[in-house]
Amino acid sequence: MDYLRTLGIFATVAELGSFSRAADRLEVPRSTVSGAVQSLESRLQTRLILRTTRSMRLTADGEVCLDWARRLLSEVEETEALFRRSAHQPRGRLRVDVPTRIASLVIAPALPEFFARHPDIELELLAGDRPVDLLQEGVDCVLRVGAVRDPALIAQPLGLLEQGNYASPGYLERHGTPHSPSDLDNHLAVHFVLPSTGRVDAWEYDDGGIARQVPMQARVLANSADTYIACCIAGMGLIQIPRYDARRHVASGELVEVMPDHRPSSMPAALLYPRRHRLSRRVQAFAAWVQELFAREVMVG
């Protein structure tokens, strides 16, 4: 059997979690699917899938092989597309990793617009805040907020995210409203624990282009943006978040901006992808759309 076809069958089995469902999708006998996986395991001299009568799961080698197969099949598809009449229309699967709040508040609501432009792309939208190894995990690109320190990645800037200081009305009723950093000695913060390092993010404010830090007391620490904001809404302390993220909570009355003259420094947002000789048309299409979307929906304070 053709090696690329074998890899495609294996990837379909892994995606659907079933030999039978893979056979149905590919419209081939189940024995063909099973034989292709066995042939691939024999060729690679390792077990890729652990099977029982009721379930199957990938081995560690199977996970690695799946990521590799997806990348290889994607590159082959892209190369073939260069020679088709429809080469101008990007197609195929695109895996993108995006911070959870941006995924739910910005990307997901605008997806109908994206697919109206690019109907032949299948998007796998991964939402998370942890560091991602693009090559090991088979991710085409990631959207990240903050400084980029990995020299193996190319960063396409999307702009600067304005930040603000926020509290719930209930918290302000109990503790009063701070007007300057000197007032913060009498206030509580909700501490945010950075998922990438486990470090507590410091309370900061911009002082003429210089980032100043203020020690803050806290009763609650959170390591996800959703929990961080929920704790603030519950009255547990002050938080610092991007202004686009706070807009709907301010509009609903759940949050109030405080100390607008002492906001944190703006944070850079960028789309990151591995350094390659050729960037896929799918990534190019997504990058152009996200650039436009951020300019319209996110970079407005």
C-alpha atoms as a PDB file:
ATOM      1  CA  MET A   1       0.000   0.000   0.000  1.00  0.00           C
ATOM      2  CA  ASP A   2       1.190   3.536  -0.744  1.00  0.00           C
ATOM      3  CA  TYR A   3       3.029   4.927   2.297  1.00  0.00           C
ATOM      4  CA  LEU A   4       1.175   8.265   2.308  1.00  0.00           C
ATOM      5  CA  ARG A   5      -2.145   6.437   2.128  1.00  0.00           C
ATOM      6  CA  THR A   6      -1.060   4.278   5.067  1.00  0.00           C
ATOM      7  CA  LEU A   7      -0.232   7.376   7.094  1.00  0.00           C
ATOM      8  CA  GLY A   8      -3.586   8.891   6.155  1.00  0.00           C
ATOM      9  CA  ILE A   9      -5.447   5.799   7.326  1.00  0.00           C
ATOM     10  CA  PHE A  10      -3.536   5.780  10.615  1.00  0.00           C
ATOM     11  CA  ALA A  11      -4.289   9.480  11.180  1.00  0.00           C
ATOM     12  CA  THR A  12      -7.999   8.866  10.510  1.00  0.00           C
ATOM     13  CA  VAL A  13      -8.093   5.954  12.986  1.00  0.00           C
ATOM     14  CA  ALA A  14      -6.385   8.129  15.623  1.00  0.00           C
ATOM     15  CA  GLU A  15      -8.743  11.046  14.980  1.00  0.00           C
ATOM     16  CA  LEU A  16     -11.940   8.951  15.182  1.00  0.00           C
ATOM     17  CA  GLY A  17     -10.709   6.570  17.878  1.00  0.00           C
ATOM     18  CA  SER A  18     -12.127   3.607  16.009  1.00  0.00           C
ATOM     19  CA  PHE A  19     -11.084   1.244  13.205  1.00  0.00           C
ATOM     20  CA  SER A  20     -14.695   0.754  12.149  1.00  0.00           C
ATOM     21  CA  ARG A  21     -15.519   4.471  11.991  1.00  0.00           C
ATOM     22  CA  ALA A  22     -12.304   5.088  10.055  1.00  0.00           C
ATOM     23  CA  ALA A  23     -13.294   2.375   7.562  1.00  0.00           C
ATOM     24  CA  ASP A  24     -16.736   3.974   7.154  1.00  0.00           C
ATOM     25  CA  ARG A  25     -15.302   7.427   6.571  1.00  0.00           C
ATOM     26  CA  LEU A  26     -12.697   6.171   4.092  1.00  0.00           C
ATOM     27  CA  GLU A  27     -15.211   3.803   2.467  1.00  0.00           C
ATOM     28  CA  VAL A  28     -12.873   0.818   2.646  1.00  0.00           C
ATOM     29  CA  PRO A  29     -13.161  -2.566   4.390  1.00  0.00           C
ATOM     30  CA  ARG A  30     -12.205  -2.665   8.053  1.00  0.00           C
ATOM     31  CA  SER A  31      -9.550  -5.213   7.196  1.00  0.00           C
ATOM     32  CA  THR A  32      -7.865  -2.645   4.952  1.00  0.00           C
ATOM     33  CA  VAL A  33      -7.712  -0.181   7.830  1.00  0.00           C
ATOM     34  CA  SER A  34      -6.366  -2.759  10.266  1.00  0.00           C
ATOM     35  CA  GLY A  35      -3.830  -3.972   7.727  1.00  0.00           C
ATOM     36  CA  ALA A  36      -2.591  -0.430   7.071  1.00  0.00           C
ATOM     37  CA  VAL A  37      -1.972   0.218  10.761  1.00  0.00           C
ATOM     38  CA  GLN A  38      -0.239  -3.142  11.192  1.00  0.00           C
ATOM     39  CA  SER A  39       1.923  -2.397   8.147  1.00  0.00           C
ATOM     40  CA  LEU A  40       2.905   0.996   9.578  1.00  0.00           C
ATOM     41  CA  GLU A  41       3.741  -0.523  12.961  1.00  0.00           C
ATOM     42  CA  SER A  42       5.864  -3.177  11.250  1.00  0.00           C
ATOM     43  CA  ARG A  43       7.675  -0.575   9.168  1.00  0.00           C
ATOM     44  CA  LEU A  44       8.394   1.655  12.184  1.00  0.00           C
ATOM     45  CA  GLN A  45       9.053  -1.369  14.436  1.00  0.00           C
ATOM     46  CA  THR A  46       6.931  -0.026  17.278  1.00  0.00           C
ATOM     47  CA  ARG A  47       3.406  -0.341  18.628  1.00  0.00           C
ATOM     48  CA  LEU A  48       1.327   2.720  17.698  1.00  0.00           C
ATOM     49  CA  ILE A  49      -2.117   1.722  18.986  1.00  0.00           C
ATOM     50  CA  LEU A  50      -3.123  -0.339  22.008  1.00  0.00           C
ATOM     51  CA  ARG A  51      -6.331  -2.232  21.238  1.00  0.00           C
ATOM     52  CA  THR A  52      -8.846  -4.012  23.438  1.00  0.00           C
ATOM     53  CA  THR A  53     -12.200  -5.489  22.513  1.00  0.00           C
ATOM     54  CA  ARG A  54     -13.905  -2.275  23.662  1.00  0.00           C
ATOM     55  CA  SER A  55     -11.454   0.564  23.151  1.00  0.00           C
ATOM     56  CA  MET A  56      -8.198   1.736  21.642  1.00  0.00           C
ATOM     57  CA  ARG A  57      -5.653   4.398  22.505  1.00  0.00           C
ATOM     58  CA  LEU A  58      -2.415   5.695  21.063  1.00  0.00           C
ATOM     59  CA  THR A  59       0.884   4.756  22.628  1.00  0.00           C
ATOM     60  CA  ALA A  60       3.508   7.435  23.295  1.00  0.00           C
ATOM     61  CA  ASP A  61       5.120   6.502  19.965  1.00  0.00           C
ATOM     62  CA  GLY A  62       1.693   6.649  18.373  1.00  0.00           C
ATOM     63  CA  GLU A  63       1.205  10.239  19.554  1.00  0.00           C
ATOM     64  CA  VAL A  64       4.562  11.231  18.073  1.00  0.00           C
ATOM     65  CA  CYS A  65       3.780   9.425  14.823  1.00  0.00           C
ATOM     66  CA  LEU A  66       0.376  11.117  14.598  1.00  0.00           C
ATOM     67  CA  ASP A  67       1.875  14.608  14.916  1.00  0.00           C
ATOM     68  CA  TRP A  68       4.509  13.741  12.323  1.00  0.00           C
ATOM     69  CA  ALA A  69       1.949  12.206   9.955  1.00  0.00           C
ATOM     70  CA  ARG A  70      -0.310  15.262  10.191  1.00  0.00           C
ATOM     71  CA  ARG A  71       2.549  17.598   9.353  1.00  0.00           C
ATOM     72  CA  LEU A  72       3.745  15.435   6.461  1.00  0.00           C
ATOM     73  CA  LEU A  73       0.267  14.994   4.988  1.00  0.00           C
ATOM     74  CA  SER A  74      -0.375  18.714   5.362  1.00  0.00           C
ATOM     75  CA  GLU A  75       2.833  19.586   3.525  1.00  0.00           C
ATOM     76  CA  VAL A  76       2.030  17.140   0.730  1.00  0.00           C
ATOM     77  CA  GLU A  77      -1.455  18.610   0.373  1.00  0.00           C
ATOM     78  CA  GLU A  78      -0.037  22.138   0.271  1.00  0.00           C
ATOM     79  CA  THR A  79       2.499  21.168  -2.388  1.00  0.00           C
ATOM     80  CA  GLU A  80      -0.166  19.543  -4.554  1.00  0.00           C
ATOM     81  CA  ALA A  81      -2.357  22.624  -4.152  1.00  0.00           C
ATOM     82  CA  LEU A  82       0.352  24.746  -5.741  1.00  0.00           C
ATOM     83  CA  PHE A  83      -0.282  22.953  -9.022  1.00  0.00           C
ATOM     84  CA  ARG A  84      -4.074  22.901  -8.947  1.00  0.00           C
ATOM     85  CA  ARG A  85      -6.293  25.503 -10.540  1.00  0.00           C
ATOM     86  CA  SER A  86      -7.773  26.152  -7.127  1.00  0.00           C
ATOM     87  CA  ALA A  87      -4.351  26.825  -5.617  1.00  0.00           C
ATOM     88  CA  HIS A  88      -5.461  30.348  -4.734  1.00  0.00           C
ATOM     89  CA  GLN A  89      -7.987  28.889  -2.258  1.00  0.00           C
ATOM     90  CA  PRO A  90      -6.331  27.511   0.915  1.00  0.00           C
ATOM     91  CA  ARG A  91      -7.659  24.148   2.019  1.00  0.00           C
ATOM     92  CA  GLY A  92      -7.101  21.399   4.579  1.00  0.00           C
ATOM     93  CA  ARG A  93      -6.759  21.220   8.358  1.00  0.00           C
ATOM     94  CA  LEU A  94      -5.276  24.066  10.400  1.00  0.00           C
ATOM     95  CA  ARG A  95      -4.345  23.583  14.090  1.00  0.00           C
ATOM     96  CA  VAL A  96      -4.173  26.830  16.069  1.00  0.00           C
ATOM     97  CA  ASP A  97      -3.567  27.314  19.796  1.00  0.00           C
ATOM     98  CA  VAL A  98      -5.090  30.457  21.355  1.00  0.00           C
ATOM     99  CA  PRO A  99      -5.426  31.769  24.947  1.00  0.00           C
ATOM    100  CA  THR A 100      -8.755  30.656  26.408  1.00  0.00           C
ATOM    101  CA  ARG A 101     -10.318  34.109  26.791  1.00  0.00           C
ATOM    102  CA  ILE A 102      -9.309  35.228  23.291  1.00  0.00           C
ATOM    103  CA  ALA A 103     -10.586  31.938  21.879  1.00  0.00           C
ATOM    104  CA  SER A 104     -14.044  32.300  23.442  1.00  0.00           C
ATOM    105  CA  LEU A 105     -14.500  36.085  23.307  1.00  0.00           C
ATOM    106  CA  VAL A 106     -12.787  37.033  20.056  1.00  0.00           C
ATOM    107  CA  ILE A 107     -12.006  34.124  17.737  1.00  0.00           C
ATOM    108  CA  ALA A 108     -15.041  31.849  18.136  1.00  0.00           C
ATOM    109  CA  PRO A 109     -17.734  34.554  17.649  1.00  0.00           C
ATOM    110  CA  ALA A 110     -16.065  35.684  14.412  1.00  0.00           C
ATOM    111  CA  LEU A 111     -15.551  32.230  12.874  1.00  0.00           C
ATOM    112  CA  PRO A 112     -18.554  32.477  10.492  1.00  0.00           C
ATOM    113  CA  GLU A 113     -16.744  35.387   8.844  1.00  0.00           C
ATOM    114  CA  PHE A 114     -13.534  33.350   8.542  1.00  0.00           C
ATOM    115  CA  PHE A 115     -15.262  30.352   6.953  1.00  0.00           C
ATOM    116  CA  ALA A 116     -17.202  32.579   4.579  1.00  0.00           C
ATOM    117  CA  ARG A 117     -13.806  33.599   3.194  1.00  0.00           C
ATOM    118  CA  HIS A 118     -12.116  30.208   3.462  1.00  0.00           C
ATOM    119  CA  PRO A 119     -14.729  27.436   3.204  1.00  0.00           C
ATOM    120  CA  ASP A 120     -12.169  24.728   2.409  1.00  0.00           C
ATOM    121  CA  ILE A 121     -10.194  25.104   5.646  1.00  0.00           C
ATOM    122  CA  GLU A 122     -10.940  22.815   8.587  1.00  0.00           C
ATOM    123  CA  LEU A 123      -9.939  24.624  11.779  1.00  0.00           C
ATOM    124  CA  GLU A 124      -8.905  22.806  14.947  1.00  0.00           C
ATOM    125  CA  LEU A 125      -9.085  25.570  17.569  1.00  0.00           C
ATOM    126  CA  LEU A 126      -7.120  24.658  20.700  1.00  0.00           C
ATOM    127  CA  ALA A 127      -7.780  26.902  23.695  1.00  0.00           C
ATOM    128  CA  GLY A 128      -5.146  27.008  26.424  1.00  0.00           C
ATOM    129  CA  ASP A 129      -2.683  29.178  28.310  1.00  0.00           C
ATOM    130  CA  ARG A 130       0.228  26.764  28.687  1.00  0.00           C
ATOM    131  CA  PRO A 131       3.373  26.850  26.536  1.00  0.00           C
ATOM    132  CA  VAL A 132       2.984  24.756  23.381  1.00  0.00           C
ATOM    133  CA  ASP A 133       5.722  22.948  21.457  1.00  0.00           C
ATOM    134  CA  LEU A 134       4.467  23.549  17.935  1.00  0.00           C
ATOM    135  CA  LEU A 135       6.526  20.849  16.246  1.00  0.00           C
ATOM    136  CA  GLN A 136       6.028  18.154  18.894  1.00  0.00           C
ATOM    137  CA  GLU A 137       2.276  18.777  19.140  1.00  0.00           C
ATOM    138  CA  GLY A 138       1.623  19.326  15.446  1.00  0.00           C
ATOM    139  CA  VAL A 139       0.333  22.890  15.916  1.00  0.00           C
ATOM    140  CA  ASP A 140       0.580  25.212  12.910  1.00  0.00           C
ATOM    141  CA  CYS A 141       0.617  28.478  14.834  1.00  0.00           C
ATOM    142  CA  VAL A 142      -0.143  29.942  18.262  1.00  0.00           C
ATOM    143  CA  LEU A 143      -1.514  33.286  19.356  1.00  0.00           C
ATOM    144  CA  ARG A 144       0.211  34.628  22.446  1.00  0.00           C
ATOM    145  CA  VAL A 145       0.176  37.750  24.586  1.00  0.00           C
ATOM    146  CA  GLY A 146       3.449  39.008  26.082  1.00  0.00           C
ATOM    147  CA  ALA A 147       7.090  39.045  25.096  1.00  0.00           C
ATOM    148  CA  VAL A 148       8.305  36.346  22.684  1.00  0.00           C
ATOM    149  CA  ARG A 149      11.552  34.751  23.826  1.00  0.00           C
ATOM    150  CA  ASP A 150      11.812  31.637  21.659  1.00  0.00           C
ATOM    151  CA  PRO A 151      14.268  32.237  18.789  1.00  0.00           C
ATOM    152  CA  ALA A 152      12.898  29.177  16.972  1.00  0.00           C
ATOM    153  CA  LEU A 153       9.610  30.998  16.354  1.00  0.00           C
ATOM    154  CA  ILE A 154       8.682  33.798  13.990  1.00  0.00           C
ATOM    155  CA  ALA A 155       6.363  36.403  15.514  1.00  0.00           C
ATOM    156  CA  GLN A 156       3.828  38.331  13.470  1.00  0.00           C
ATOM    157  CA  PRO A 157       2.794  41.288  15.667  1.00  0.00           C
ATOM    158  CA  LEU A 158      -0.932  41.856  16.053  1.00  0.00           C
ATOM    159  CA  GLY A 159      -0.701  45.035  18.142  1.00  0.00           C
ATOM    160  CA  LEU A 160      -0.675  46.172  21.757  1.00  0.00           C
ATOM    161  CA  LEU A 161      -3.420  45.209  24.215  1.00  0.00           C
ATOM    162  CA  GLU A 162      -4.419  48.047  26.528  1.00  0.00           C
ATOM    163  CA  GLN A 163      -4.893  46.932  30.133  1.00  0.00           C
ATOM    164  CA  GLY A 164      -6.891  48.301  33.031  1.00  0.00           C
ATOM    165  CA  ASN A 165      -7.463  47.925  36.774  1.00  0.00           C
ATOM    166  CA  TYR A 166     -10.830  46.522  37.843  1.00  0.00           C
ATOM    167  CA  ALA A 167     -12.886  45.718  40.915  1.00  0.00           C
ATOM    168  CA  SER A 168     -16.452  44.670  41.644  1.00  0.00           C
ATOM    169  CA  PRO A 169     -18.975  47.206  42.970  1.00  0.00           C
ATOM    170  CA  GLY A 170     -19.361  45.097  46.124  1.00  0.00           C
ATOM    171  CA  TYR A 171     -15.630  45.162  46.829  1.00  0.00           C
ATOM    172  CA  LEU A 172     -15.518  48.954  46.387  1.00  0.00           C
ATOM    173  CA  GLU A 173     -18.447  49.408  48.757  1.00  0.00           C
ATOM    174  CA  ARG A 174     -16.564  47.516  51.468  1.00  0.00           C
ATOM    175  CA  HIS A 175     -13.043  48.798  50.883  1.00  0.00           C
ATOM    176  CA  GLY A 176     -13.428  52.131  49.129  1.00  0.00           C
ATOM    177  CA  THR A 177     -12.138  53.150  45.702  1.00  0.00           C
ATOM    178  CA  PRO A 178      -8.362  53.472  45.159  1.00  0.00           C
ATOM    179  CA  HIS A 179      -7.306  56.495  43.120  1.00  0.00           C
ATOM    180  CA  SER A 180      -3.526  56.088  43.004  1.00  0.00           C
ATOM    181  CA  PRO A 181      -0.883  53.407  43.709  1.00  0.00           C
ATOM    182  CA  SER A 182      -0.331  54.889  47.186  1.00  0.00           C
ATOM    183  CA  ASP A 183      -3.903  53.823  48.088  1.00  0.00           C
ATOM    184  CA  LEU A 184      -3.202  50.152  47.394  1.00  0.00           C
ATOM    185  CA  ASP A 185      -1.725  49.484  50.852  1.00  0.00           C
ATOM    186  CA  ASN A 186      -5.299  49.254  52.107  1.00  0.00           C
ATOM    187  CA  HIS A 187      -6.556  46.958  49.347  1.00  0.00           C
ATOM    188  CA  LEU A 188      -6.517  43.309  48.295  1.00  0.00           C
ATOM    189  CA  ALA A 189      -5.684  41.857  44.897  1.00  0.00           C
ATOM    190  CA  VAL A 190      -6.547  38.553  43.312  1.00  0.00           C
ATOM    191  CA  HIS A 191      -3.132  37.151  42.408  1.00  0.00           C
ATOM    192  CA  PHE A 192      -2.656  35.577  38.985  1.00  0.00           C
ATOM    193  CA  VAL A 193      -0.276  32.612  38.817  1.00  0.00           C
ATOM    194  CA  LEU A 194       1.372  32.409  35.400  1.00  0.00           C
ATOM    195  CA  PRO A 195       0.672  28.910  33.973  1.00  0.00           C
ATOM    196  CA  SER A 196       3.995  28.866  32.128  1.00  0.00           C
ATOM    197  CA  THR A 197       6.213  29.474  35.177  1.00  0.00           C
ATOM    198  CA  GLY A 198       4.082  29.205  38.328  1.00  0.00           C
ATOM    199  CA  ARG A 199       5.209  32.717  39.226  1.00  0.00           C
ATOM    200  CA  VAL A 200       2.737  35.210  40.694  1.00  0.00           C
ATOM    201  CA  ASP A 201       2.185  38.067  38.278  1.00  0.00           C
ATOM    202  CA  ALA A 202       3.103  41.366  39.952  1.00  0.00           C
ATOM    203  CA  TRP A 203       0.745  44.329  40.231  1.00  0.00           C
ATOM    204  CA  GLU A 204       2.144  46.946  37.861  1.00  0.00           C
ATOM    205  CA  TYR A 205       1.400  50.423  36.561  1.00  0.00           C
ATOM    206  CA  ASP A 206       2.938  52.509  33.816  1.00  0.00           C
ATOM    207  CA  ASP A 207       4.842  55.562  35.033  1.00  0.00           C
ATOM    208  CA  GLY A 208       5.820  57.557  31.971  1.00  0.00           C
ATOM    209  CA  GLY A 209       6.939  54.470  30.067  1.00  0.00           C
ATOM    210  CA  ILE A 210       8.497  52.772  33.105  1.00  0.00           C
ATOM    211  CA  ALA A 211       6.749  49.733  34.605  1.00  0.00           C
ATOM    212  CA  ARG A 212       6.487  50.149  38.381  1.00  0.00           C
ATOM    213  CA  GLN A 213       5.493  47.327  40.728  1.00  0.00           C
ATOM    214  CA  VAL A 214       3.384  47.560  43.877  1.00  0.00           C
ATOM    215  CA  PRO A 215       3.312  44.751  46.497  1.00  0.00           C
ATOM    216  CA  MET A 216      -0.283  43.633  47.019  1.00  0.00           C
ATOM    217  CA  GLN A 217      -1.891  41.409  49.629  1.00  0.00           C
ATOM    218  CA  ALA A 218      -4.184  38.630  48.422  1.00  0.00           C
ATOM    219  CA  ARG A 219      -6.462  35.941  49.824  1.00  0.00           C
ATOM    220  CA  VAL A 220      -6.954  34.138  46.508  1.00  0.00           C
ATOM    221  CA  LEU A 221      -4.566  33.014  43.771  1.00  0.00           C
ATOM    222  CA  ALA A 222      -5.822  31.818  40.368  1.00  0.00           C
ATOM    223  CA  ASN A 223      -4.014  30.214  37.452  1.00  0.00           C
ATOM    224  CA  SER A 224      -6.676  30.664  34.768  1.00  0.00           C
ATOM    225  CA  ALA A 225      -8.080  33.881  33.331  1.00  0.00           C
ATOM    226  CA  ASP A 226     -11.690  32.736  33.821  1.00  0.00           C
ATOM    227  CA  THR A 227     -11.139  32.001  37.518  1.00  0.00           C
ATOM    228  CA  TYR A 228      -9.142  35.199  37.992  1.00  0.00           C
ATOM    229  CA  ILE A 229     -11.998  37.345  36.664  1.00  0.00           C
ATOM    230  CA  ALA A 230     -14.672  35.321  38.488  1.00  0.00           C
ATOM    231  CA  CYS A 231     -12.888  35.904  41.804  1.00  0.00           C
ATOM    232  CA  CYS A 232     -12.833  39.633  41.152  1.00  0.00           C
ATOM    233  CA  ILE A 233     -16.547  39.672  40.296  1.00  0.00           C
ATOM    234  CA  ALA A 234     -17.157  37.822  43.586  1.00  0.00           C
ATOM    235  CA  GLY A 235     -15.497  40.713  45.430  1.00  0.00           C
ATOM    236  CA  MET A 236     -12.221  39.024  46.370  1.00  0.00           C
ATOM    237  CA  GLY A 237      -9.958  41.857  45.223  1.00  0.00           C
ATOM    238  CA  LEU A 238      -8.599  44.007  42.415  1.00  0.00           C
ATOM    239  CA  ILE A 239      -7.367  42.583  39.109  1.00  0.00           C
ATOM    240  CA  GLN A 240      -5.541  43.762  35.999  1.00  0.00           C
ATOM    241  CA  ILE A 241      -6.829  42.496  32.656  1.00  0.00           C
ATOM    242  CA  PRO A 242      -6.921  43.648  29.015  1.00  0.00           C
ATOM    243  CA  ARG A 243      -9.591  46.275  28.473  1.00  0.00           C
ATOM    244  CA  TYR A 244     -11.223  44.294  25.649  1.00  0.00           C
ATOM    245  CA  ASP A 245     -11.717  41.446  28.146  1.00  0.00           C
ATOM    246  CA  ALA A 246     -13.348  43.745  30.693  1.00  0.00           C
ATOM    247  CA  ARG A 247     -15.744  45.542  28.324  1.00  0.00           C
ATOM    248  CA  ARG A 248     -18.737  43.253  28.694  1.00  0.00           C
ATOM    249  CA  HIS A 249     -18.290  42.965  32.475  1.00  0.00           C
ATOM    250  CA  VAL A 250     -18.167  46.760  32.790  1.00  0.00           C
ATOM    251  CA  ALA A 251     -21.231  47.110  30.557  1.00  0.00           C
ATOM    252  CA  SER A 252     -23.162  44.619  32.711  1.00  0.00           C
ATOM    253  CA  GLY A 253     -22.138  46.349  35.948  1.00  0.00           C
ATOM    254  CA  GLU A 254     -20.119  43.370  37.220  1.00  0.00           C
ATOM    255  CA  LEU A 255     -16.824  45.285  37.150  1.00  0.00           C
ATOM    256  CA  VAL A 256     -15.746  48.913  37.544  1.00  0.00           C
ATOM    257  CA  GLU A 257     -12.495  50.360  36.236  1.00  0.00           C
ATOM    258  CA  VAL A 258     -10.370  52.071  38.900  1.00  0.00           C
ATOM    259  CA  MET A 259      -7.198  54.171  38.708  1.00  0.00           C
ATOM    260  CA  PRO A 260      -7.523  54.872  34.960  1.00  0.00           C
ATOM    261  CA  ASP A 261      -4.501  57.193  35.185  1.00  0.00           C
ATOM    262  CA  HIS A 262      -2.343  54.349  36.510  1.00  0.00           C
ATOM    263  CA  ARG A 263      -3.005  51.492  34.111  1.00  0.00           C
ATOM    264  CA  PRO A 264      -0.498  48.685  33.501  1.00  0.00           C
ATOM    265  CA  SER A 265       1.699  48.882  30.410  1.00  0.00           C
ATOM    266  CA  SER A 266       0.106  47.578  27.222  1.00  0.00           C
ATOM    267  CA  MET A 267       1.012  43.992  26.266  1.00  0.00           C
ATOM    268  CA  PRO A 268       2.100  42.886  22.779  1.00  0.00           C
ATOM    269  CA  ALA A 269       0.048  40.218  21.026  1.00  0.00           C
ATOM    270  CA  ALA A 270       1.508  38.124  18.223  1.00  0.00           C
ATOM    271  CA  LEU A 271       0.880  35.104  16.051  1.00  0.00           C
ATOM    272  CA  LEU A 272       3.802  32.670  16.309  1.00  0.00           C
ATOM    273  CA  TYR A 273       4.838  29.902  13.944  1.00  0.00           C
ATOM    274  CA  PRO A 274       7.967  27.798  13.401  1.00  0.00           C
ATOM    275  CA  ARG A 275      10.764  29.068  11.191  1.00  0.00           C
ATOM    276  CA  ARG A 276      10.157  27.271   7.910  1.00  0.00           C
ATOM    277  CA  HIS A 277      11.182  27.861   4.327  1.00  0.00           C
ATOM    278  CA  ARG A 278       7.551  28.152   3.261  1.00  0.00           C
ATOM    279  CA  LEU A 279       4.549  29.186   5.298  1.00  0.00           C
ATOM    280  CA  SER A 280       1.392  27.244   4.444  1.00  0.00           C
ATOM    281  CA  ARG A 281      -1.430  29.067   2.707  1.00  0.00           C
ATOM    282  CA  ARG A 282      -3.731  28.088   5.558  1.00  0.00           C
ATOM    283  CA  VAL A 283      -1.556  29.867   8.123  1.00  0.00           C
ATOM    284  CA  GLN A 284      -1.213  32.874   5.833  1.00  0.00           C
ATOM    285  CA  ALA A 285      -4.996  33.085   5.482  1.00  0.00           C
ATOM    286  CA  PHE A 286      -5.594  32.745   9.215  1.00  0.00           C
ATOM    287  CA  ALA A 287      -2.870  35.277  10.053  1.00  0.00           C
ATOM    288  CA  ALA A 288      -4.317  37.893   7.694  1.00  0.00           C
ATOM    289  CA  TRP A 289      -7.806  37.395   9.127  1.00  0.00           C
ATOM    290  CA  VAL A 290      -6.668  37.543  12.769  1.00  0.00           C
ATOM    291  CA  GLN A 291      -4.686  40.730  12.066  1.00  0.00           C
ATOM    292  CA  GLU A 292      -7.839  42.350  10.715  1.00  0.00           C
ATOM    293  CA  LEU A 293     -10.005  40.953  13.529  1.00  0.00           C
ATOM    294  CA  PHE A 294      -7.697  42.250  16.261  1.00  0.00           C
ATOM    295  CA  ALA A 295      -7.534  45.704  14.725  1.00  0.00           C
ATOM    296  CA  ARG A 296     -11.334  45.824  14.713  1.00  0.00           C
ATOM    297  CA  GLU A 297     -12.330  44.071  17.946  1.00  0.00           C
ATOM    298  CA  VAL A 298      -9.396  43.962  20.362  1.00  0.00           C
ATOM    299  CA  MET A 299      -7.176  46.985  19.904  1.00  0.00           C
ATOM    300  CA  VAL A 300     -10.028  49.318  20.792  1.00  0.00           C
ATOM    301  CA  GLY A 301      -9.631  50.305  24.452  1.00  0.00           C
END
